[in-house]
N, C-alpha and C. Protein backbone atom coordinates (compact mmCIF):
# COMPACT_ATOMS: atom_id res chain seq x y z
N MET A 1 126.10 107.30 66.70
CA MET A 1 127.01 107.77 68.34
C MET A 1 125.60 107.03 69.41
N LEU A 2 124.50 107.43 68.85
CA LEU A 2 123.39 107.17 69.80
C LEU A 2 123.09 105.63 70.02
N LYS A 3 123.29 105.08 68.74
CA LYS A 3 123.38 103.48 68.62
C LYS A 3 124.49 102.93 69.04
N ARG A 4 125.49 103.54 69.60
CA ARG A 4 126.54 102.98 70.04
C ARG A 4 126.64 103.02 71.58
N ILE A 5 126.11 103.98 71.99
CA ILE A 5 125.70 104.34 73.44
C ILE A 5 124.57 103.48 74.14
N ILE A 6 123.40 103.10 73.14
CA ILE A 6 122.27 102.06 73.69
C ILE A 6 123.02 100.76 73.29
N ILE A 7 124.03 100.17 72.49
CA ILE A 7 124.41 99.00 72.44
C ILE A 7 125.31 98.81 73.73
N ARG A 8 125.82 99.59 74.29
CA ARG A 8 126.91 100.09 75.53
C ARG A 8 126.53 99.60 76.62
N PHE A 9 125.39 100.26 76.80
CA PHE A 9 124.09 99.65 77.74
C PHE A 9 123.86 98.51 77.75
N ILE A 10 123.17 98.11 76.48
CA ILE A 10 122.75 96.68 76.51
C ILE A 10 123.81 95.82 76.62
N TRP A 11 125.17 95.73 76.11
CA TRP A 11 126.44 94.82 76.60
C TRP A 11 126.79 95.22 78.20
N ALA A 12 126.10 95.92 78.89
CA ALA A 12 126.89 96.28 80.14
C ALA A 12 125.42 95.52 81.15
N GLY A 13 124.25 95.94 80.59
CA GLY A 13 123.22 94.82 81.03
C GLY A 13 123.54 93.80 81.15
N LEU A 14 123.93 93.13 79.64
CA LEU A 14 123.79 91.64 79.94
C LEU A 14 125.08 90.83 80.54
N LEU A 15 126.04 91.79 80.62
CA LEU A 15 127.62 91.46 81.41
C LEU A 15 126.85 91.42 83.19
N LEU A 16 126.30 92.23 83.34
CA LEU A 16 125.67 92.30 85.13
C LEU A 16 124.75 91.40 85.39
N VAL A 17 124.21 91.12 84.40
CA VAL A 17 123.04 89.85 84.54
C VAL A 17 123.93 88.57 84.71
N TRP A 18 124.50 88.12 83.42
CA TRP A 18 125.77 87.11 83.57
C TRP A 18 126.85 86.91 84.96
N VAL A 19 126.93 88.07 85.29
CA VAL A 19 127.77 87.91 86.53
C VAL A 19 127.16 87.64 87.85
N THR A 20 125.86 88.28 88.11
CA THR A 20 124.91 87.75 89.28
C THR A 20 124.76 86.49 88.86
N ALA A 21 123.88 85.89 87.99
CA ALA A 21 123.36 84.91 88.07
C ALA A 21 124.52 83.78 88.20
N GLY A 22 125.61 84.15 88.02
CA GLY A 22 126.67 82.85 88.03
C GLY A 22 126.91 82.86 89.31
N THR A 23 127.16 83.94 89.86
CA THR A 23 127.31 83.75 91.81
C THR A 23 125.88 83.55 92.35
N THR A 24 124.52 83.60 91.90
CA THR A 24 123.47 82.89 92.46
C THR A 24 123.45 81.26 92.24
N LEU A 25 123.91 81.10 91.02
CA LEU A 25 123.93 79.37 90.79
C LEU A 25 125.06 79.10 91.60
N ALA A 26 125.98 79.79 91.80
CA ALA A 26 127.09 78.75 92.44
C ALA A 26 126.55 78.38 93.76
N GLN A 27 126.16 79.43 94.48
CA GLN A 27 125.74 79.23 96.12
C GLN A 27 124.73 77.77 95.89
N ALA A 28 125.18 77.24 97.13
CA ALA A 28 124.40 75.72 97.43
C ALA A 28 123.23 76.29 98.07
N PRO A 29 122.05 75.63 98.05
CA PRO A 29 121.03 76.16 98.84
C PRO A 29 121.51 75.65 100.43
N ASP A 30 120.44 76.62 101.12
CA ASP A 30 120.30 76.51 102.69
C ASP A 30 119.47 75.33 102.88
N LYS A 31 120.44 74.23 103.20
CA LYS A 31 119.78 72.91 103.93
C LYS A 31 120.07 73.05 105.55
N GLN A 32 118.29 72.49 105.67
CA GLN A 32 118.54 72.72 107.00
C GLN A 32 116.79 71.87 107.50
N SER A 33 116.94 70.94 108.36
CA SER A 33 115.52 70.41 108.94
C SER A 33 115.23 70.86 110.24
N GLN A 34 113.90 70.62 110.92
CA GLN A 34 113.60 70.09 112.29
C GLN A 34 113.35 69.20 112.78
N PHE A 35 113.55 68.93 113.75
CA PHE A 35 113.31 67.82 114.72
C PHE A 35 112.91 68.13 115.98
N THR A 36 112.10 67.01 116.30
CA THR A 36 111.21 67.55 117.86
C THR A 36 111.94 66.21 118.56
N PHE A 37 112.76 66.23 119.75
CA PHE A 37 113.27 65.06 120.54
C PHE A 37 112.29 64.97 121.67
N LYS A 38 111.70 63.97 122.42
CA LYS A 38 110.85 63.53 123.06
C LYS A 38 111.74 63.74 124.44
N ARG A 39 113.03 63.14 124.10
CA ARG A 39 114.00 62.77 125.59
C ARG A 39 114.98 63.41 125.00
N ALA A 40 116.37 63.56 125.86
CA ALA A 40 117.72 64.03 125.79
C ALA A 40 118.26 63.30 124.38
N VAL A 41 119.17 64.03 123.51
CA VAL A 41 120.08 63.56 122.69
C VAL A 41 121.31 63.87 123.06
N GLU A 42 122.39 63.42 122.54
CA GLU A 42 123.68 63.61 122.54
C GLU A 42 124.05 63.70 121.18
N VAL A 43 124.47 64.81 120.67
CA VAL A 43 125.11 65.42 119.77
C VAL A 43 126.54 65.80 119.73
N PRO A 44 127.92 65.86 118.93
CA PRO A 44 128.95 65.59 118.98
C PRO A 44 129.36 67.37 119.89
N GLY A 45 130.07 66.81 121.29
CA GLY A 45 130.22 68.58 122.16
C GLY A 45 129.34 68.58 122.69
N THR A 46 127.91 67.82 123.25
CA THR A 46 127.15 68.48 123.81
C THR A 46 126.22 68.12 124.21
N MET A 47 124.95 67.78 124.90
CA MET A 47 124.04 66.78 125.26
C MET A 47 122.60 67.74 125.02
N LEU A 48 121.37 67.53 124.33
CA LEU A 48 120.48 68.31 123.60
C LEU A 48 119.07 68.00 124.68
N PRO A 49 118.72 68.83 125.39
CA PRO A 49 117.43 68.27 126.12
C PRO A 49 116.28 68.06 125.13
N ALA A 50 115.49 67.80 125.66
CA ALA A 50 114.10 67.34 124.80
C ALA A 50 113.94 68.88 124.32
N GLY A 51 113.16 68.71 123.19
CA GLY A 51 112.82 70.05 122.70
C GLY A 51 112.70 70.01 121.10
N THR A 52 112.50 70.74 120.23
CA THR A 52 112.39 71.12 119.10
C THR A 52 113.83 71.90 118.50
N TYR A 53 114.50 71.34 117.55
CA TYR A 53 115.63 71.83 117.05
C TYR A 53 116.00 71.91 115.81
N THR A 54 116.29 72.62 115.31
CA THR A 54 116.91 72.87 113.68
C THR A 54 117.82 72.78 113.64
N PHE A 55 118.34 71.41 112.43
CA PHE A 55 119.80 71.04 112.09
C PHE A 55 120.04 71.94 110.70
N ARG A 56 121.09 72.60 110.24
CA ARG A 56 121.70 73.39 109.81
C ARG A 56 122.98 73.60 109.17
N LEU A 57 123.16 73.26 107.68
CA LEU A 57 124.26 73.14 107.26
C LEU A 57 124.64 74.52 107.10
N LEU A 58 125.80 75.08 107.45
CA LEU A 58 125.95 75.78 107.39
C LEU A 58 127.18 76.55 106.16
N GLU A 59 126.83 77.73 105.70
CA GLU A 59 127.83 78.47 104.29
C GLU A 59 129.09 78.29 104.65
N GLY A 60 129.98 78.10 103.92
CA GLY A 60 131.56 77.61 103.75
C GLY A 60 131.92 77.02 102.44
N PRO A 61 133.00 77.33 102.21
CA PRO A 61 133.69 76.35 101.53
C PRO A 61 133.55 74.74 101.57
N SER A 62 133.75 74.31 102.88
CA SER A 62 133.87 72.47 102.89
C SER A 62 132.22 72.07 103.16
N ARG A 63 131.34 72.63 103.60
CA ARG A 63 129.98 72.57 103.74
C ARG A 63 129.66 71.68 105.02
N ASP A 64 130.69 71.39 105.97
CA ASP A 64 130.49 70.34 106.99
C ASP A 64 130.57 70.96 108.11
N LEU A 65 130.16 72.20 108.88
CA LEU A 65 129.72 72.67 109.74
C LEU A 65 128.21 72.51 109.76
N VAL A 66 127.50 71.82 111.19
CA VAL A 66 126.61 71.81 111.34
C VAL A 66 126.03 72.62 112.44
N GLN A 67 124.92 73.34 112.42
CA GLN A 67 124.61 74.32 113.55
C GLN A 67 123.35 74.01 113.82
N VAL A 68 123.04 73.73 115.40
CA VAL A 68 122.24 73.50 115.99
C VAL A 68 121.08 74.40 116.68
N MET A 69 120.03 75.09 116.00
CA MET A 69 119.26 75.69 117.23
C MET A 69 117.81 75.34 117.57
N ARG A 70 118.00 76.01 118.57
CA ARG A 70 116.50 75.56 119.21
C ARG A 70 115.55 76.23 118.54
N ASP A 71 114.29 76.11 118.94
CA ASP A 71 113.22 76.58 118.35
C ASP A 71 112.69 78.02 118.51
N ASP A 72 113.62 78.66 119.55
CA ASP A 72 113.68 79.80 119.28
C ASP A 72 114.51 81.14 118.40
N GLY A 73 115.10 80.29 117.99
CA GLY A 73 116.53 80.70 116.94
C GLY A 73 117.91 80.99 117.40
N SER A 74 117.97 80.53 118.62
CA SER A 74 119.33 80.92 119.51
C SER A 74 120.41 79.29 118.98
N THR A 75 121.37 79.52 118.90
CA THR A 75 122.63 78.46 118.59
C THR A 75 122.58 77.64 120.01
N TYR A 76 122.50 76.31 119.56
CA TYR A 76 122.65 75.62 121.04
C TYR A 76 124.19 74.79 120.48
N ALA A 77 124.69 74.81 119.58
CA ALA A 77 125.96 73.80 119.03
C ALA A 77 125.63 74.14 117.55
N ILE A 78 127.06 74.06 117.59
CA ILE A 78 127.69 73.94 116.30
C ILE A 78 128.90 72.83 116.14
N PHE A 79 128.96 72.13 114.97
CA PHE A 79 130.12 70.89 115.22
C PHE A 79 130.61 70.78 113.62
N PHE A 80 131.63 69.49 113.60
CA PHE A 80 131.95 69.22 112.07
C PHE A 80 130.74 67.57 111.92
N ALA A 81 130.87 67.63 110.34
CA ALA A 81 130.21 66.40 110.17
C ALA A 81 131.00 66.35 108.91
N ARG A 82 132.45 65.54 109.09
CA ARG A 82 133.39 65.05 107.75
C ARG A 82 132.86 64.42 107.29
N ARG A 83 132.27 63.19 107.47
CA ARG A 83 132.21 61.91 106.85
C ARG A 83 130.77 62.05 105.87
N HIS A 84 130.48 61.69 104.52
CA HIS A 84 129.52 61.47 103.82
C HIS A 84 129.07 59.98 103.69
N PRO A 85 128.24 59.38 104.27
CA PRO A 85 127.78 57.97 103.89
C PRO A 85 126.95 58.11 102.77
N GLN A 86 126.94 57.02 101.91
CA GLN A 86 125.99 56.88 101.01
C GLN A 86 124.91 55.77 101.16
N GLN A 87 123.84 55.86 100.74
CA GLN A 87 122.60 54.77 100.81
C GLN A 87 122.12 55.08 99.38
N PRO A 88 121.82 53.34 99.22
CA PRO A 88 121.28 53.45 97.83
C PRO A 88 119.74 53.96 97.24
N VAL A 89 119.17 54.17 98.21
CA VAL A 89 117.67 55.05 98.17
C VAL A 89 117.50 56.61 98.46
N PRO A 90 117.37 57.28 97.99
CA PRO A 90 117.51 58.68 98.66
C PRO A 90 116.51 58.73 100.06
N ALA A 91 116.56 59.20 101.07
CA ALA A 91 115.62 59.86 102.02
C ALA A 91 114.52 60.12 101.62
N SER A 92 113.38 59.71 101.55
CA SER A 92 111.70 60.54 101.20
C SER A 92 112.04 61.84 101.97
N LYS A 93 112.14 61.79 103.19
CA LYS A 93 112.22 63.25 104.48
C LYS A 93 113.47 63.10 105.12
N ALA A 94 113.56 64.70 105.87
CA ALA A 94 114.74 64.36 106.49
C ALA A 94 114.74 63.29 107.87
N GLU A 95 115.83 63.16 107.83
CA GLU A 95 115.76 61.48 108.87
C GLU A 95 117.28 61.85 109.92
N LEU A 96 117.31 61.52 111.08
CA LEU A 96 118.35 61.23 112.05
C LEU A 96 118.52 59.77 111.86
N ARG A 97 119.32 59.67 112.35
CA ARG A 97 119.71 58.07 112.83
C ARG A 97 120.59 57.71 113.71
N PHE A 98 120.48 57.02 114.61
CA PHE A 98 121.47 57.09 115.97
C PHE A 98 122.08 55.89 115.97
N MET A 99 123.06 56.14 116.92
CA MET A 99 124.13 55.33 117.18
C MET A 99 123.62 53.77 118.20
N GLU A 100 123.77 52.65 118.39
CA GLU A 100 123.31 51.81 118.82
C GLU A 100 123.91 52.21 120.66
N THR A 101 122.88 52.52 121.67
CA THR A 101 122.87 52.54 122.80
C THR A 101 122.44 51.33 123.70
N THR A 102 123.26 51.57 125.17
CA THR A 102 122.75 50.77 126.13
C THR A 102 121.07 51.34 126.71
N PRO A 103 120.78 50.50 127.31
CA PRO A 103 119.64 51.48 128.58
C PRO A 103 120.28 52.28 129.26
N GLY A 104 119.18 53.53 129.26
CA GLY A 104 120.39 54.56 130.39
C GLY A 104 121.19 55.30 129.69
N VAL A 105 121.60 55.14 128.76
CA VAL A 105 122.41 56.28 128.10
C VAL A 105 121.71 56.82 126.74
N PRO A 106 121.88 58.15 126.84
CA PRO A 106 121.06 59.11 125.68
C PRO A 106 121.51 58.48 124.69
N PRO A 107 120.55 58.86 123.31
CA PRO A 107 121.13 58.06 122.42
C PRO A 107 121.87 59.48 121.75
N ALA A 108 122.83 58.71 120.80
CA ALA A 108 123.51 60.01 120.13
C ALA A 108 123.18 59.69 118.47
N VAL A 109 122.90 60.87 117.96
CA VAL A 109 122.91 61.13 116.68
C VAL A 109 123.98 60.81 115.84
N GLN A 110 123.94 59.91 114.79
CA GLN A 110 125.27 59.55 114.09
C GLN A 110 124.98 59.98 112.97
N THR A 111 123.88 60.06 112.08
CA THR A 111 123.96 60.93 110.63
C THR A 111 122.80 61.45 110.31
N TRP A 112 122.77 62.54 109.83
CA TRP A 112 121.78 63.17 109.05
C TRP A 112 121.68 62.96 107.99
N TRP A 113 120.44 62.97 107.24
CA TRP A 113 119.78 62.13 106.29
C TRP A 113 119.03 63.16 105.73
N TYR A 114 119.41 64.28 104.65
CA TYR A 114 118.41 65.44 104.11
C TYR A 114 117.62 64.76 102.68
N PRO A 115 116.17 65.25 102.58
CA PRO A 115 115.27 64.66 101.46
C PRO A 115 116.01 64.65 100.24
N ARG A 116 115.74 63.40 99.94
CA ARG A 116 115.83 63.08 98.02
C ARG A 116 117.25 63.25 97.79
N GLU A 117 118.63 62.48 99.06
CA GLU A 117 119.84 62.90 98.69
C GLU A 117 120.25 61.95 99.33
N ARG A 118 121.01 61.22 98.19
CA ARG A 118 121.35 59.57 98.88
C ARG A 118 123.02 60.26 99.91
N THR A 119 123.07 61.22 99.74
CA THR A 119 124.54 61.33 100.47
C THR A 119 124.00 61.88 101.73
N GLY A 120 124.63 61.70 103.01
CA GLY A 120 124.08 61.87 104.35
C GLY A 120 125.35 62.87 105.04
N LEU A 121 125.34 63.45 106.24
CA LEU A 121 126.50 63.57 106.93
C LEU A 121 126.37 63.05 108.23
N GLU A 122 127.49 62.30 108.22
CA GLU A 122 127.81 61.31 109.57
C GLU A 122 128.63 62.59 110.42
N PHE A 123 128.23 62.51 112.02
CA PHE A 123 128.66 63.40 112.69
C PHE A 123 130.15 63.00 113.21
N VAL A 124 131.13 63.58 113.55
CA VAL A 124 132.23 63.35 114.33
C VAL A 124 132.22 63.92 115.74
N TYR A 125 132.42 62.77 116.57
CA TYR A 125 132.35 62.66 118.07
C TYR A 125 133.84 63.20 118.45
N PRO A 126 134.22 63.92 119.37
CA PRO A 126 135.57 64.40 120.12
C PRO A 126 135.94 62.59 120.80
N GLY A 127 136.81 62.49 120.81
CA GLY A 127 137.68 61.32 121.44
C GLY A 127 137.01 60.97 123.17
N THR A 128 137.00 61.76 123.74
CA THR A 128 136.57 62.21 125.26
C THR A 128 134.98 61.83 125.37
N GLN A 129 134.13 62.14 123.99
CA GLN A 129 133.19 61.85 124.15
C GLN A 129 132.45 60.66 124.03
N LEU A 130 133.47 60.10 123.15
CA LEU A 130 133.51 58.48 122.64
C LEU A 130 133.32 57.57 124.07
N LEU A 131 135.00 57.94 124.72
CA LEU A 131 135.05 57.14 125.96
C LEU A 131 134.41 57.44 126.66
N ARG A 132 133.60 58.44 126.78
CA ARG A 132 132.66 58.71 128.40
C ARG A 132 131.30 57.99 127.75
N ARG A 133 130.81 57.91 126.43
CA ARG A 133 129.88 57.00 126.36
C ARG A 133 130.04 55.20 126.51
N ALA A 134 131.23 54.89 126.24
CA ALA A 134 131.86 54.04 126.50
C ALA A 134 131.68 53.64 127.49
N ASP A 135 132.17 54.33 128.61
CA ASP A 135 132.15 53.89 129.97
C ASP A 135 131.03 53.59 130.51
N ALA A 136 130.13 54.85 130.36
CA ALA A 136 128.59 54.73 130.96
C ALA A 136 128.00 53.23 130.35
N ALA A 137 128.30 52.97 129.08
CA ALA A 137 127.70 51.80 128.33
C ALA A 137 128.28 50.06 128.69
N GLU A 138 129.11 50.04 129.75
CA GLU A 138 129.77 48.92 130.18
C GLU A 138 129.08 48.84 131.38
N PRO A 139 128.58 47.37 131.23
CA PRO A 139 127.65 46.83 132.37
C PRO A 139 128.63 46.52 133.54
N ALA A 140 128.02 46.55 134.46
CA ALA A 140 128.65 46.40 135.82
C ALA A 140 129.12 45.19 135.95
N ALA A 141 130.34 44.57 136.58
CA ALA A 141 130.94 43.28 136.43
C ALA A 141 130.19 42.58 137.82
N PRO A 142 129.46 41.14 137.35
CA PRO A 142 128.68 40.76 138.18
C PRO A 142 129.69 40.33 139.56
N ALA A 143 128.63 40.58 140.68
CA ALA A 143 129.36 40.29 141.80
C ALA A 143 129.86 38.60 141.98
N ALA A 144 131.07 38.80 142.68
CA ALA A 144 131.46 37.41 142.98
C ALA A 144 130.76 36.66 143.92
N PRO A 145 130.75 35.39 143.92
CA PRO A 145 129.96 34.74 144.81
C PRO A 145 131.18 34.90 146.21
N THR A 146 130.15 35.07 147.31
CA THR A 146 130.66 35.10 148.39
C THR A 146 130.30 33.49 149.33
N LEU A 147 132.03 33.18 149.96
CA LEU A 147 131.90 32.07 150.73
C LEU A 147 131.80 31.96 151.92
N GLY A 148 130.74 31.26 152.53
CA GLY A 148 130.44 31.54 154.00
C GLY A 148 129.87 30.19 154.46
N SER A 149 129.94 30.18 155.58
CA SER A 149 129.67 28.99 156.16
C SER A 149 127.92 29.11 156.66
N LYS A 150 127.27 27.81 156.23
CA LYS A 150 126.08 27.84 156.51
C LYS A 150 125.65 26.50 157.15
């Protein structure tokens, strides 16, 4: 009788370890990187003033939500990163890549690459934000020559 009780406790303990280990292993690690900007940069939906920010991949089934927090821990922005570009060699450290811009237009973050991974996150910008960037990037039309008498 005592032997049966001990065996049941052992099996219950093993079952508990198996269940908790399975859920722990199923959770993806928290991915976050800290970046310092010397000037304003743009992310989907907002402009980040110069400063230090933490980019963090939020927990969830899609793992496509990125949270940007100030160095004091307050949330500054949350946006989608639905595209997952590939690169042949993994990044050695966390890095951001920016879209091409013209002078006077703040750089916009295009992708976030996490260390030792070949797959990055490409940020999805709303159409209105892309149009506003395109308008700001268009050079002014050259002035038409004036005809006058001399």
